[in-house]
N, C-alpha and C. Protein backbone atom coordinates (compact mmCIF):
# COMPACT_ATOMS: atom_id res chain seq x y z
N MET A 1 -18.78 19.75 4.13
CA MET A 1 -18.18 18.74 5.00
C MET A 1 -16.94 18.15 4.31
N THR A 2 -15.82 18.16 5.03
CA THR A 2 -14.58 17.63 4.43
C THR A 2 -14.57 16.11 4.51
N LYS A 3 -13.95 15.54 3.53
CA LYS A 3 -13.84 14.08 3.47
C LYS A 3 -12.67 13.62 4.33
N ARG A 4 -12.86 12.49 4.97
CA ARG A 4 -11.78 11.85 5.74
C ARG A 4 -10.91 11.11 4.74
N ARG A 5 -9.64 11.52 4.66
CA ARG A 5 -8.72 11.00 3.65
C ARG A 5 -7.79 9.95 4.28
N VAL A 6 -7.75 8.79 3.66
CA VAL A 6 -6.93 7.67 4.13
C VAL A 6 -5.82 7.44 3.11
N ILE A 7 -4.59 7.23 3.61
CA ILE A 7 -3.46 6.93 2.74
C ILE A 7 -2.84 5.60 3.16
N THR A 8 -2.45 4.83 2.18
CA THR A 8 -1.73 3.58 2.44
C THR A 8 -0.69 3.40 1.35
N PHE A 9 0.22 2.46 1.59
CA PHE A 9 1.34 2.24 0.68
C PHE A 9 1.55 0.75 0.47
N GLY A 10 2.11 0.41 -0.68
CA GLY A 10 2.47 -0.98 -0.92
C GLY A 10 3.07 -1.17 -2.30
N THR A 11 3.59 -2.36 -2.50
CA THR A 11 4.13 -2.71 -3.82
C THR A 11 3.00 -3.20 -4.72
N PHE A 12 2.11 -4.00 -4.17
CA PHE A 12 0.95 -4.53 -4.89
C PHE A 12 1.36 -5.32 -6.12
N ASP A 13 2.41 -6.12 -5.96
CA ASP A 13 2.87 -6.98 -7.04
C ASP A 13 2.11 -8.30 -6.95
N VAL A 14 1.81 -8.91 -8.04
CA VAL A 14 1.04 -10.15 -8.10
C VAL A 14 -0.22 -9.96 -7.24
N LEU A 15 -1.09 -9.11 -7.71
CA LEU A 15 -2.31 -8.73 -7.00
C LEU A 15 -3.08 -9.97 -6.52
N HIS A 16 -3.49 -9.96 -5.24
CA HIS A 16 -4.22 -11.10 -4.67
C HIS A 16 -5.27 -10.61 -3.68
N MET A 17 -6.02 -11.54 -3.11
CA MET A 17 -7.13 -11.21 -2.21
C MET A 17 -6.68 -10.43 -0.97
N GLY A 18 -5.49 -10.66 -0.51
CA GLY A 18 -4.98 -9.89 0.62
C GLY A 18 -4.93 -8.40 0.29
N HIS A 19 -4.48 -8.08 -0.93
CA HIS A 19 -4.46 -6.68 -1.36
C HIS A 19 -5.87 -6.10 -1.43
N ILE A 20 -6.77 -6.84 -2.03
CA ILE A 20 -8.15 -6.37 -2.16
C ILE A 20 -8.77 -6.16 -0.77
N ASN A 21 -8.55 -7.12 0.12
CA ASN A 21 -9.10 -7.01 1.48
C ASN A 21 -8.61 -5.78 2.21
N ILE A 22 -7.31 -5.49 2.14
CA ILE A 22 -6.80 -4.34 2.89
C ILE A 22 -7.28 -3.04 2.27
N LEU A 23 -7.40 -2.99 0.94
CA LEU A 23 -7.90 -1.77 0.31
C LEU A 23 -9.38 -1.54 0.63
N LYS A 24 -10.15 -2.61 0.66
CA LYS A 24 -11.57 -2.50 1.02
C LYS A 24 -11.70 -2.02 2.46
N ARG A 25 -10.92 -2.59 3.36
CA ARG A 25 -10.99 -2.19 4.76
C ARG A 25 -10.45 -0.78 4.96
N ALA A 26 -9.45 -0.40 4.18
CA ALA A 26 -8.91 0.96 4.26
C ALA A 26 -9.97 1.98 3.86
N LYS A 27 -10.71 1.67 2.82
CA LYS A 27 -11.76 2.58 2.35
C LYS A 27 -12.84 2.77 3.42
N LYS A 28 -13.10 1.75 4.22
CA LYS A 28 -14.10 1.86 5.28
C LYS A 28 -13.66 2.82 6.40
N GLU A 29 -12.36 3.13 6.45
CA GLU A 29 -11.84 4.05 7.47
C GLU A 29 -12.01 5.52 7.08
N GLY A 30 -12.45 5.77 5.84
CA GLY A 30 -12.61 7.15 5.40
C GLY A 30 -13.47 7.24 4.15
N ASP A 31 -13.43 8.42 3.55
CA ASP A 31 -14.24 8.70 2.36
C ASP A 31 -13.42 8.69 1.08
N TYR A 32 -12.11 8.85 1.21
CA TYR A 32 -11.26 9.02 0.04
C TYR A 32 -9.97 8.24 0.30
N LEU A 33 -9.69 7.25 -0.56
CA LEU A 33 -8.53 6.38 -0.37
C LEU A 33 -7.43 6.71 -1.36
N ILE A 34 -6.27 7.03 -0.82
CA ILE A 34 -5.08 7.38 -1.60
C ILE A 34 -4.07 6.26 -1.42
N VAL A 35 -3.54 5.74 -2.53
CA VAL A 35 -2.62 4.60 -2.47
C VAL A 35 -1.29 4.96 -3.12
N GLY A 36 -0.23 4.84 -2.34
CA GLY A 36 1.13 5.00 -2.86
C GLY A 36 1.63 3.64 -3.30
N VAL A 37 1.93 3.50 -4.58
CA VAL A 37 2.46 2.26 -5.13
C VAL A 37 3.97 2.43 -5.30
N SER A 38 4.74 1.51 -4.73
CA SER A 38 6.20 1.59 -4.78
C SER A 38 6.71 1.60 -6.21
N SER A 39 7.66 2.50 -6.48
CA SER A 39 8.31 2.50 -7.79
C SER A 39 9.11 1.20 -7.95
N ASP A 40 9.46 0.87 -9.16
CA ASP A 40 10.27 -0.33 -9.41
C ASP A 40 11.60 -0.23 -8.67
N GLU A 41 12.19 0.98 -8.67
CA GLU A 41 13.48 1.19 -8.01
C GLU A 41 13.36 1.01 -6.49
N LEU A 42 12.30 1.56 -5.92
CA LEU A 42 12.08 1.40 -4.48
C LEU A 42 11.87 -0.06 -4.13
N ASN A 43 11.09 -0.75 -4.93
CA ASN A 43 10.86 -2.17 -4.68
C ASN A 43 12.17 -2.94 -4.70
N PHE A 44 13.03 -2.66 -5.67
CA PHE A 44 14.31 -3.36 -5.74
C PHE A 44 15.16 -3.05 -4.50
N SER A 45 15.15 -1.79 -4.07
CA SER A 45 15.97 -1.43 -2.90
C SER A 45 15.45 -2.10 -1.62
N LYS A 46 14.13 -2.34 -1.52
CA LYS A 46 13.55 -2.98 -0.33
C LYS A 46 13.73 -4.49 -0.34
N LYS A 47 13.53 -5.10 -1.51
CA LYS A 47 13.43 -6.57 -1.59
C LYS A 47 14.57 -7.23 -2.36
N ASN A 48 15.45 -6.40 -2.92
CA ASN A 48 16.59 -6.90 -3.70
C ASN A 48 16.15 -7.76 -4.89
N ARG A 49 14.98 -7.44 -5.42
CA ARG A 49 14.49 -8.08 -6.64
C ARG A 49 13.52 -7.12 -7.30
N ASN A 50 13.42 -7.25 -8.61
CA ASN A 50 12.46 -6.44 -9.35
C ASN A 50 11.07 -7.02 -9.14
N PRO A 51 10.05 -6.16 -9.18
CA PRO A 51 8.69 -6.68 -9.10
C PRO A 51 8.38 -7.50 -10.35
N VAL A 52 7.43 -8.41 -10.24
CA VAL A 52 7.00 -9.21 -11.38
C VAL A 52 6.38 -8.28 -12.43
N TYR A 53 5.54 -7.34 -11.98
CA TYR A 53 4.89 -6.39 -12.87
C TYR A 53 5.51 -5.02 -12.68
N SER A 54 5.64 -4.28 -13.77
CA SER A 54 6.22 -2.94 -13.71
C SER A 54 5.30 -2.00 -12.93
N TYR A 55 5.87 -0.88 -12.50
CA TYR A 55 5.07 0.13 -11.80
C TYR A 55 3.86 0.53 -12.63
N LYS A 56 4.07 0.75 -13.91
CA LYS A 56 2.99 1.17 -14.81
C LYS A 56 1.81 0.20 -14.74
N HIS A 57 2.10 -1.10 -14.77
CA HIS A 57 1.04 -2.11 -14.72
C HIS A 57 0.42 -2.21 -13.33
N ARG A 58 1.26 -2.13 -12.28
CA ARG A 58 0.72 -2.20 -10.91
C ARG A 58 -0.17 -1.01 -10.62
N LYS A 59 0.24 0.18 -11.09
CA LYS A 59 -0.58 1.39 -10.89
C LYS A 59 -1.93 1.22 -11.58
N LYS A 60 -1.91 0.70 -12.80
CA LYS A 60 -3.16 0.51 -13.55
C LYS A 60 -4.09 -0.48 -12.83
N LEU A 61 -3.51 -1.56 -12.29
CA LEU A 61 -4.32 -2.53 -11.54
C LEU A 61 -4.96 -1.88 -10.32
N ILE A 62 -4.17 -1.15 -9.54
CA ILE A 62 -4.68 -0.53 -8.31
C ILE A 62 -5.73 0.54 -8.64
N LYS A 63 -5.48 1.33 -9.69
CA LYS A 63 -6.45 2.36 -10.09
C LYS A 63 -7.80 1.76 -10.48
N SER A 64 -7.78 0.52 -10.96
CA SER A 64 -9.03 -0.10 -11.42
C SER A 64 -9.88 -0.66 -10.28
N ILE A 65 -9.36 -0.67 -9.08
CA ILE A 65 -10.09 -1.20 -7.93
C ILE A 65 -11.06 -0.13 -7.41
N LYS A 66 -12.31 -0.50 -7.25
CA LYS A 66 -13.35 0.48 -6.94
C LYS A 66 -13.17 1.20 -5.61
N TYR A 67 -12.42 0.67 -4.71
CA TYR A 67 -12.22 1.30 -3.40
C TYR A 67 -11.22 2.46 -3.47
N VAL A 68 -10.40 2.48 -4.51
CA VAL A 68 -9.27 3.41 -4.62
C VAL A 68 -9.68 4.67 -5.38
N ASP A 69 -9.37 5.83 -4.78
CA ASP A 69 -9.71 7.11 -5.40
C ASP A 69 -8.51 7.76 -6.09
N LYS A 70 -7.31 7.56 -5.57
CA LYS A 70 -6.11 8.22 -6.10
C LYS A 70 -4.93 7.27 -5.94
N VAL A 71 -4.07 7.22 -6.98
CA VAL A 71 -2.85 6.42 -6.93
C VAL A 71 -1.68 7.33 -7.29
N PHE A 72 -0.58 7.17 -6.58
CA PHE A 72 0.63 7.93 -6.91
C PHE A 72 1.85 7.03 -6.73
N LYS A 73 2.97 7.46 -7.28
CA LYS A 73 4.21 6.69 -7.20
C LYS A 73 4.95 7.02 -5.90
N GLU A 74 5.19 5.99 -5.10
CA GLU A 74 6.03 6.15 -3.90
C GLU A 74 7.47 5.93 -4.33
N LYS A 75 8.26 6.99 -4.26
CA LYS A 75 9.65 6.93 -4.74
C LYS A 75 10.64 6.59 -3.63
N SER A 76 10.26 6.88 -2.38
CA SER A 76 11.19 6.67 -1.27
C SER A 76 10.42 6.43 0.03
N LEU A 77 10.91 5.49 0.84
CA LEU A 77 10.29 5.24 2.15
C LEU A 77 10.43 6.45 3.06
N GLU A 78 11.50 7.23 2.86
CA GLU A 78 11.77 8.39 3.70
C GLU A 78 10.82 9.56 3.43
N LEU A 79 10.01 9.48 2.39
CA LEU A 79 9.12 10.58 2.02
C LEU A 79 7.69 10.41 2.53
N LYS A 80 7.43 9.39 3.36
CA LYS A 80 6.06 9.14 3.82
C LYS A 80 5.43 10.37 4.47
N ALA A 81 6.16 11.09 5.30
CA ALA A 81 5.60 12.30 5.94
C ALA A 81 5.23 13.33 4.88
N ASP A 82 6.07 13.47 3.86
CA ASP A 82 5.78 14.42 2.78
C ASP A 82 4.52 14.01 2.03
N TYR A 83 4.36 12.71 1.78
CA TYR A 83 3.16 12.23 1.09
C TYR A 83 1.91 12.45 1.94
N ILE A 84 2.02 12.21 3.24
CA ILE A 84 0.88 12.43 4.15
C ILE A 84 0.44 13.89 4.07
N LYS A 85 1.42 14.80 4.11
CA LYS A 85 1.12 16.23 4.05
C LYS A 85 0.58 16.62 2.68
N LYS A 86 1.25 16.17 1.62
CA LYS A 86 0.85 16.55 0.26
C LYS A 86 -0.60 16.16 -0.03
N TYR A 87 -0.98 14.96 0.38
CA TYR A 87 -2.33 14.47 0.08
C TYR A 87 -3.33 14.74 1.22
N LYS A 88 -2.86 15.51 2.22
CA LYS A 88 -3.72 15.93 3.34
C LYS A 88 -4.44 14.74 3.98
N ALA A 89 -3.68 13.69 4.23
CA ALA A 89 -4.25 12.47 4.81
C ALA A 89 -4.61 12.67 6.28
N ASP A 90 -5.77 12.17 6.63
CA ASP A 90 -6.21 12.17 8.02
C ASP A 90 -5.81 10.88 8.72
N VAL A 91 -5.61 9.82 7.91
CA VAL A 91 -5.31 8.49 8.44
C VAL A 91 -4.21 7.86 7.59
N LEU A 92 -3.21 7.29 8.26
CA LEU A 92 -2.24 6.41 7.61
C LEU A 92 -2.62 5.00 8.01
N LEU A 93 -2.85 4.16 7.02
CA LEU A 93 -3.27 2.79 7.30
C LEU A 93 -2.25 1.82 6.70
N MET A 94 -1.80 0.88 7.53
CA MET A 94 -0.82 -0.11 7.09
C MET A 94 -1.20 -1.48 7.65
N GLY A 95 -0.65 -2.53 7.06
CA GLY A 95 -0.83 -3.87 7.57
C GLY A 95 -0.14 -4.03 8.92
N ASP A 96 -0.65 -4.94 9.73
CA ASP A 96 -0.10 -5.09 11.09
C ASP A 96 1.29 -5.72 11.13
N ASP A 97 1.81 -6.14 9.98
CA ASP A 97 3.21 -6.58 9.96
C ASP A 97 4.14 -5.37 10.15
N TRP A 98 3.59 -4.16 10.04
CA TRP A 98 4.34 -2.92 10.27
C TRP A 98 4.01 -2.33 11.65
N GLN A 99 3.32 -3.06 12.51
CA GLN A 99 2.87 -2.57 13.82
C GLN A 99 3.95 -1.76 14.53
N GLY A 100 3.62 -0.53 14.89
CA GLY A 100 4.52 0.33 15.66
C GLY A 100 5.54 1.09 14.82
N LYS A 101 5.81 0.65 13.60
CA LYS A 101 6.88 1.26 12.81
C LYS A 101 6.53 2.64 12.25
N PHE A 102 5.24 2.99 12.29
CA PHE A 102 4.83 4.30 11.76
C PHE A 102 4.18 5.17 12.83
N ASP A 103 4.34 4.79 14.09
CA ASP A 103 3.73 5.55 15.18
C ASP A 103 4.23 6.99 15.24
N HIS A 104 5.44 7.25 14.74
CA HIS A 104 5.98 8.61 14.77
C HIS A 104 5.19 9.57 13.86
N PHE A 105 4.30 9.03 13.01
CA PHE A 105 3.46 9.88 12.17
C PHE A 105 2.17 10.30 12.87
N LYS A 106 1.98 9.85 14.12
CA LYS A 106 0.75 10.18 14.85
C LYS A 106 0.61 11.69 15.10
N GLU A 107 1.71 12.43 14.98
CA GLU A 107 1.61 13.88 15.11
C GLU A 107 1.04 14.53 13.83
N LEU A 108 1.06 13.77 12.73
CA LEU A 108 0.53 14.27 11.45
C LEU A 108 -0.89 13.79 11.17
N CYS A 109 -1.19 12.56 11.61
CA CYS A 109 -2.49 11.96 11.31
C CYS A 109 -2.70 10.74 12.22
N GLU A 110 -3.90 10.21 12.19
CA GLU A 110 -4.18 8.97 12.90
C GLU A 110 -3.43 7.83 12.20
N VAL A 111 -2.92 6.88 12.95
CA VAL A 111 -2.22 5.73 12.37
C VAL A 111 -2.97 4.47 12.78
N ILE A 112 -3.35 3.68 11.78
CA ILE A 112 -4.09 2.44 12.01
C ILE A 112 -3.34 1.29 11.36
N TYR A 113 -3.22 0.18 12.10
CA TYR A 113 -2.63 -1.05 11.57
C TYR A 113 -3.74 -2.09 11.50
N LEU A 114 -3.95 -2.64 10.32
CA LEU A 114 -4.98 -3.67 10.15
C LEU A 114 -4.35 -5.05 10.00
N PRO A 115 -4.99 -6.08 10.54
CA PRO A 115 -4.47 -7.44 10.37
C PRO A 115 -4.43 -7.82 8.89
N ARG A 116 -3.37 -8.50 8.53
CA ARG A 116 -3.24 -8.99 7.16
C ARG A 116 -4.15 -10.20 6.97
N THR A 117 -4.50 -10.47 5.71
CA THR A 117 -5.28 -11.66 5.39
C THR A 117 -4.40 -12.88 5.65
N PRO A 118 -4.84 -13.82 6.48
CA PRO A 118 -4.00 -14.98 6.82
C PRO A 118 -3.67 -15.83 5.58
N SER A 119 -2.49 -16.39 5.59
CA SER A 119 -2.04 -17.37 4.60
C SER A 119 -1.96 -16.85 3.17
N ILE A 120 -1.85 -15.53 3.00
CA ILE A 120 -1.66 -14.97 1.67
C ILE A 120 -0.47 -14.02 1.69
N SER A 121 0.48 -14.28 0.81
CA SER A 121 1.68 -13.46 0.73
C SER A 121 2.17 -13.46 -0.71
N THR A 122 2.49 -12.27 -1.22
CA THR A 122 3.04 -12.17 -2.57
C THR A 122 4.31 -13.00 -2.69
N THR A 123 5.17 -12.89 -1.69
CA THR A 123 6.44 -13.64 -1.72
C THR A 123 6.18 -15.14 -1.81
N GLU A 124 5.22 -15.64 -1.03
CA GLU A 124 4.88 -17.07 -1.08
C GLU A 124 4.34 -17.45 -2.45
N ILE A 125 3.48 -16.61 -3.02
CA ILE A 125 2.91 -16.90 -4.34
C ILE A 125 4.03 -16.99 -5.38
N ILE A 126 4.96 -16.05 -5.35
CA ILE A 126 6.08 -16.06 -6.30
C ILE A 126 6.91 -17.33 -6.14
N GLU A 127 7.18 -17.73 -4.89
CA GLU A 127 7.96 -18.96 -4.65
C GLU A 127 7.24 -20.20 -5.16
N ILE A 128 5.93 -20.26 -4.96
CA ILE A 128 5.15 -21.41 -5.45
C ILE A 128 5.23 -21.50 -6.97
N VAL A 129 5.09 -20.35 -7.62
CA VAL A 129 5.15 -20.33 -9.10
C VAL A 129 6.54 -20.74 -9.57
N LYS A 130 7.58 -20.26 -8.91
CA LYS A 130 8.96 -20.65 -9.28
C LYS A 130 9.16 -22.15 -9.17
N GLN A 131 8.63 -22.75 -8.11
CA GLN A 131 8.80 -24.19 -7.88
C GLN A 131 8.09 -25.01 -8.93
N ARG A 132 7.02 -24.48 -9.49
CA ARG A 132 6.27 -25.21 -10.51
C ARG A 132 6.99 -25.25 -11.85
N ASP A 133 7.90 -24.30 -12.09
CA ASP A 133 8.60 -24.25 -13.39
C ASP A 133 9.63 -25.30 -13.54
């Protein structure tokens, strides 16, 4: 029996309960969870700032979470279809803040958008910490 493979992507900077919640819920959608962690360069190109933690540290954090089976470096947003194919994903799972933006991958796999954990945001956490300094 083949395992249902789920793939998701994120920066996972300043790890928080929202990250844990989405990874736990992603794992419930299949048997094998594959996580693409944004490279430092990709993160800078998306957010115009470096992540608080380096890719090496973020990868280590995500790998240590019991729901995660495989972690790889996401080098480019334009390579998502290649990653889906390479890892033979049956499901692409993303937060609902991306609702509709990945529907074009439905020809490759099922696409699921899950609600984000309310009132938790890495950007907000970083701003709160900055204000305290």
